[in-house]
Amino acid sequence: MKLKKALRKLSQYMDADQREQLAQYDSIKKVLKKLKSKRNQLREKIELIEDDEERQQIQNKLDIVNAQRKKGVKLLKELKLIRRE
């Protein structure tokens, strides 16, 4: 295999990896936006509900959404660092 051909294959491989990371980055951003919307809805709902049991259930859902968002934001930051390198 000639050097030019090997370099071309390597660059195609690297470009494919970057495209995949970019797609993953965009996908995570969309999910985070939906989670943020869900979090805001749950916060509004908690303020309106007076029943302690129902409020606790909603708080549990809110805790889960917050944990998912934290994981997503962390992954997004990692992907951002990889893209810069």
Protein backbone atom coordinates (compact mmCIF):
# COMPACT_ATOMS: atom_id res chain seq x y z
CA MET A 1 0.00 0.00 0.00
CA LYS A 2 1.39 3.35 -0.96
CA LEU A 3 1.84 6.10 1.58
CA LYS A 4 -0.73 8.41 -0.02
CA LYS A 5 -3.36 5.69 0.00
CA ALA A 6 -2.62 4.82 3.63
CA LEU A 7 -2.85 8.48 4.65
CA ARG A 8 -6.15 8.87 2.79
CA LYS A 9 -7.61 5.85 4.57
CA LEU A 10 -6.42 7.17 7.91
CA SER A 11 -7.95 10.59 7.30
CA GLN A 12 -11.26 8.99 6.26
CA TYR A 13 -11.26 6.98 9.45
CA MET A 14 -10.56 10.07 11.54
CA ASP A 15 -13.27 12.07 9.75
CA ALA A 16 -15.79 9.30 10.36
CA ASP A 17 -14.94 9.31 14.05
CA GLN A 18 -15.40 13.09 14.21
CA ARG A 19 -18.75 12.87 12.39
CA GLU A 20 -19.92 10.22 14.83
CA GLN A 21 -18.87 12.35 17.80
CA LEU A 22 -20.59 15.39 16.33
CA ALA A 23 -23.81 13.43 15.82
CA GLN A 24 -23.60 12.14 19.39
CA TYR A 25 -22.96 15.68 20.64
CA ASP A 26 -26.03 17.02 18.83
CA SER A 27 -28.16 14.14 20.06
CA ILE A 28 -27.15 14.73 23.67
CA LYS A 29 -27.91 18.43 23.35
CA LYS A 30 -31.44 17.63 22.17
CA VAL A 31 -32.02 15.22 25.04
CA LEU A 32 -30.69 17.75 27.56
CA LYS A 33 -33.08 20.37 26.21
CA LYS A 34 -36.02 17.97 26.67
CA LEU A 35 -34.85 17.09 30.18
CA LYS A 36 -34.60 20.76 31.08
CA SER A 37 -38.16 21.30 29.90
CA LYS A 38 -39.34 18.27 31.90
CA ARG A 39 -37.47 19.54 34.98
CA ASN A 40 -39.17 22.93 34.72
CA GLN A 41 -42.60 21.31 34.37
CA LEU A 42 -42.01 19.15 37.43
CA ARG A 43 -40.86 22.15 39.46
CA GLU A 44 -44.02 24.05 38.55
CA LYS A 45 -46.15 21.02 39.37
CA ILE A 46 -44.56 20.62 42.82
CA GLU A 47 -45.46 24.18 43.74
CA LEU A 48 -49.13 23.62 42.89
CA ILE A 49 -49.63 20.29 44.70
CA GLU A 50 -50.51 20.25 48.37
CA ASP A 51 -50.68 16.48 48.96
CA ASP A 52 -47.42 15.40 50.60
CA GLU A 53 -47.44 11.90 49.13
CA GLU A 54 -47.97 13.11 45.58
CA ARG A 55 -45.42 15.87 46.09
CA GLN A 56 -42.84 13.28 47.20
CA GLN A 57 -43.48 11.20 44.06
CA ILE A 58 -42.94 14.23 41.87
CA GLN A 59 -39.82 15.15 43.85
CA ASN A 60 -38.44 11.66 43.18
CA LYS A 61 -39.07 12.12 39.45
CA LEU A 62 -37.40 15.51 39.64
CA ASP A 63 -34.36 13.99 41.35
CA ILE A 64 -34.08 11.40 38.58
CA VAL A 65 -34.32 14.07 35.86
CA ASN A 66 -31.66 16.14 37.62
CA ALA A 67 -29.33 13.13 37.84
CA GLN A 68 -29.83 12.37 34.15
CA ARG A 69 -29.11 15.98 33.23
CA LYS A 70 -25.92 15.96 35.29
CA LYS A 71 -24.72 12.83 33.51
CA GLY A 72 -25.60 14.33 30.14
CA VAL A 73 -23.86 17.63 30.85
CA LYS A 74 -20.75 15.77 32.02
CA LEU A 75 -20.71 13.66 28.85
CA LEU A 76 -21.26 16.77 26.72
CA LYS A 77 -18.27 18.47 28.32
CA GLU A 78 -16.11 15.39 27.71
CA LEU A 79 -17.11 15.30 24.05
CA LYS A 80 -16.39 19.00 23.75
CA LEU A 81 -12.88 18.46 25.11
CA ILE A 82 -12.29 15.58 22.69
CA ARG A 83 -13.42 17.71 19.75
CA ARG A 84 -10.92 20.43 20.65
CA GLU A 85 -7.97 18.04 20.72
